Amino acid sequence: MEFDLAKTVVAFALVVALGAAAMLATPMMATDTVLMMVVPSMIVFGAIALVIGVKHGEYRAER
């Protein structure tokens, strides 16, 4: 399976949505804490990890 931009964005959004839904379904934290603090940090960390992963994949493909 080859990933293009659309598939990558959908997969990324799905992972963030599943994580947020799991946190909201369990009584770990208040809903506003999850939506205002956890979800944005998941998005930022995920985006950083995605960029590093793509760059590493490009590096490995060149070798």
N, C-alpha and C. Protein backbone atom coordinates (compact mmCIF):
# COMPACT_ATOMS: atom_id res chain seq x y z
N MET A 1 0.85 -1.18 0.00
CA MET A 1 0.00 0.00 0.00
C MET A 1 0.89 1.24 0.00
N GLU A 2 0.67 2.08 -0.96
CA GLU A 2 1.43 3.32 -1.02
C GLU A 2 0.63 4.44 -0.41
N PHE A 3 1.30 5.23 0.41
CA PHE A 3 0.64 6.35 1.07
C PHE A 3 0.84 7.62 0.25
N ASP A 4 -0.24 8.31 0.01
CA ASP A 4 -0.16 9.64 -0.54
C ASP A 4 -0.64 10.60 0.55
N LEU A 5 -0.73 11.85 0.23
CA LEU A 5 -1.08 12.85 1.25
C LEU A 5 -2.46 12.59 1.85
N ALA A 6 -3.42 12.27 1.03
CA ALA A 6 -4.79 12.07 1.52
C ALA A 6 -4.88 10.87 2.48
N LYS A 7 -4.25 9.77 2.11
CA LYS A 7 -4.28 8.57 2.98
C LYS A 7 -3.54 8.84 4.29
N THR A 8 -2.46 9.57 4.23
CA THR A 8 -1.70 9.89 5.42
C THR A 8 -2.51 10.78 6.37
N VAL A 9 -3.17 11.78 5.83
CA VAL A 9 -3.98 12.68 6.66
C VAL A 9 -5.15 11.92 7.29
N VAL A 10 -5.80 11.04 6.52
CA VAL A 10 -6.91 10.26 7.06
C VAL A 10 -6.42 9.33 8.17
N ALA A 11 -5.31 8.65 7.96
CA ALA A 11 -4.77 7.76 8.98
C ALA A 11 -4.38 8.53 10.24
N PHE A 12 -3.76 9.68 10.06
CA PHE A 12 -3.36 10.51 11.19
C PHE A 12 -4.58 10.97 11.98
N ALA A 13 -5.59 11.46 11.27
CA ALA A 13 -6.82 11.92 11.94
C ALA A 13 -7.53 10.77 12.64
N LEU A 14 -7.51 9.60 12.04
CA LEU A 14 -8.14 8.43 12.66
C LEU A 14 -7.45 8.04 13.96
N VAL A 15 -6.13 8.05 13.96
CA VAL A 15 -5.39 7.71 15.18
C VAL A 15 -5.66 8.72 16.29
N VAL A 16 -5.66 10.00 15.95
CA VAL A 16 -5.94 11.04 16.94
C VAL A 16 -7.38 10.93 17.45
N ALA A 17 -8.32 10.69 16.54
CA ALA A 17 -9.73 10.56 16.94
C ALA A 17 -9.96 9.35 17.83
N LEU A 18 -9.33 8.23 17.50
CA LEU A 18 -9.47 7.04 18.35
C LEU A 18 -8.87 7.26 19.74
N GLY A 19 -7.74 7.91 19.79
CA GLY A 19 -7.13 8.22 21.08
C GLY A 19 -7.98 9.16 21.91
N ALA A 20 -8.53 10.17 21.26
CA ALA A 20 -9.39 11.12 21.97
C ALA A 20 -10.67 10.44 22.43
N ALA A 21 -11.26 9.61 21.58
CA ALA A 21 -12.49 8.90 21.96
C ALA A 21 -12.25 7.97 23.13
N ALA A 22 -11.11 7.31 23.14
CA ALA A 22 -10.80 6.41 24.25
C ALA A 22 -10.62 7.19 25.56
N MET A 23 -9.96 8.34 25.46
CA MET A 23 -9.77 9.15 26.67
C MET A 23 -11.10 9.73 27.15
N LEU A 24 -11.99 10.08 26.24
CA LEU A 24 -13.28 10.63 26.63
C LEU A 24 -14.21 9.55 27.17
N ALA A 25 -14.06 8.31 26.67
CA ALA A 25 -14.93 7.22 27.10
C ALA A 25 -14.59 6.74 28.51
N THR A 26 -13.34 6.86 28.89
CA THR A 26 -12.95 6.44 30.23
C THR A 26 -12.93 7.65 31.15
N PRO A 27 -13.25 7.45 32.39
CA PRO A 27 -13.28 8.61 33.32
C PRO A 27 -11.91 8.99 33.86
N MET A 28 -10.94 9.17 32.97
CA MET A 28 -9.59 9.53 33.39
C MET A 28 -9.48 11.01 33.73
N MET A 29 -9.97 11.83 32.81
CA MET A 29 -9.84 13.28 32.94
C MET A 29 -11.17 13.92 32.56
N ALA A 30 -11.27 15.18 32.90
CA ALA A 30 -12.46 15.92 32.51
C ALA A 30 -12.45 16.13 30.99
N THR A 31 -13.62 16.23 30.42
CA THR A 31 -13.75 16.39 28.97
C THR A 31 -13.03 17.63 28.46
N ASP A 32 -13.16 18.74 29.16
CA ASP A 32 -12.50 19.96 28.69
C ASP A 32 -10.99 19.84 28.75
N THR A 33 -10.46 19.10 29.71
CA THR A 33 -9.01 18.88 29.78
C THR A 33 -8.54 18.07 28.58
N VAL A 34 -9.29 17.04 28.25
CA VAL A 34 -8.90 16.21 27.10
C VAL A 34 -8.95 17.03 25.82
N LEU A 35 -10.02 17.77 25.63
CA LEU A 35 -10.18 18.50 24.37
C LEU A 35 -9.28 19.73 24.25
N MET A 36 -8.95 20.35 25.36
CA MET A 36 -8.15 21.57 25.29
C MET A 36 -6.66 21.36 25.50
N MET A 37 -6.28 20.23 26.11
CA MET A 37 -4.86 20.02 26.39
C MET A 37 -4.31 18.76 25.73
N VAL A 38 -5.02 17.67 25.84
CA VAL A 38 -4.49 16.39 25.37
C VAL A 38 -4.55 16.28 23.85
N VAL A 39 -5.69 16.58 23.27
CA VAL A 39 -5.83 16.44 21.81
C VAL A 39 -4.86 17.36 21.06
N PRO A 40 -4.74 18.64 21.42
CA PRO A 40 -3.75 19.45 20.71
C PRO A 40 -2.31 18.93 20.86
N SER A 41 -1.97 18.43 22.04
CA SER A 41 -0.62 17.89 22.20
C SER A 41 -0.44 16.60 21.40
N MET A 42 -1.51 15.80 21.27
CA MET A 42 -1.44 14.60 20.42
C MET A 42 -1.20 15.00 18.97
N ILE A 43 -1.86 16.06 18.53
CA ILE A 43 -1.71 16.51 17.14
C ILE A 43 -0.30 17.03 16.89
N VAL A 44 0.22 17.83 17.80
CA VAL A 44 1.56 18.39 17.62
C VAL A 44 2.61 17.29 17.66
N PHE A 45 2.54 16.40 18.65
CA PHE A 45 3.51 15.31 18.73
C PHE A 45 3.40 14.39 17.51
N GLY A 46 2.18 14.08 17.11
CA GLY A 46 1.99 13.23 15.94
C GLY A 46 2.54 13.84 14.67
N ALA A 47 2.35 15.14 14.51
CA ALA A 47 2.88 15.82 13.33
C ALA A 47 4.40 15.81 13.32
N ILE A 48 5.01 16.05 14.47
CA ILE A 48 6.47 16.01 14.57
C ILE A 48 6.99 14.61 14.26
N ALA A 49 6.35 13.59 14.84
CA ALA A 49 6.77 12.21 14.60
C ALA A 49 6.56 11.83 13.13
N LEU A 50 5.49 12.31 12.52
CA LEU A 50 5.22 12.03 11.11
C LEU A 50 6.29 12.64 10.22
N VAL A 51 6.65 13.88 10.48
CA VAL A 51 7.69 14.54 9.67
C VAL A 51 9.02 13.82 9.83
N ILE A 52 9.38 13.46 11.05
CA ILE A 52 10.64 12.74 11.27
C ILE A 52 10.60 11.38 10.57
N GLY A 53 9.47 10.70 10.64
CA GLY A 53 9.34 9.41 9.98
C GLY A 53 9.43 9.50 8.47
N VAL A 54 8.80 10.50 7.90
CA VAL A 54 8.87 10.69 6.46
C VAL A 54 10.30 11.00 6.03
N LYS A 55 10.95 11.89 6.76
CA LYS A 55 12.34 12.24 6.41
C LYS A 55 13.26 11.03 6.55
N HIS A 56 13.04 10.20 7.57
CA HIS A 56 13.86 9.00 7.73
C HIS A 56 13.59 8.02 6.59
N GLY A 57 12.33 7.90 6.20
CA GLY A 57 12.00 7.03 5.07
C GLY A 57 12.65 7.49 3.78
N GLU A 58 12.66 8.79 3.57
CA GLU A 58 13.33 9.34 2.39
C GLU A 58 14.82 9.05 2.43
N TYR A 59 15.41 9.20 3.61
CA TYR A 59 16.83 8.92 3.77
C TYR A 59 17.13 7.45 3.48
N ARG A 60 16.28 6.55 4.02
CA ARG A 60 16.50 5.12 3.81
C ARG A 60 16.28 4.74 2.36
N ALA A 61 15.37 5.40 1.67
CA ALA A 61 15.09 5.07 0.27
C ALA A 61 16.24 5.48 -0.64
N GLU A 62 17.00 6.50 -0.23
CA GLU A 62 18.12 6.96 -1.05
C GLU A 62 19.34 6.07 -0.93
N ARG A 63 19.45 5.32 0.16
CA ARG A 63 20.65 4.51 0.39
C ARG A 63 20.58 3.19 -0.30
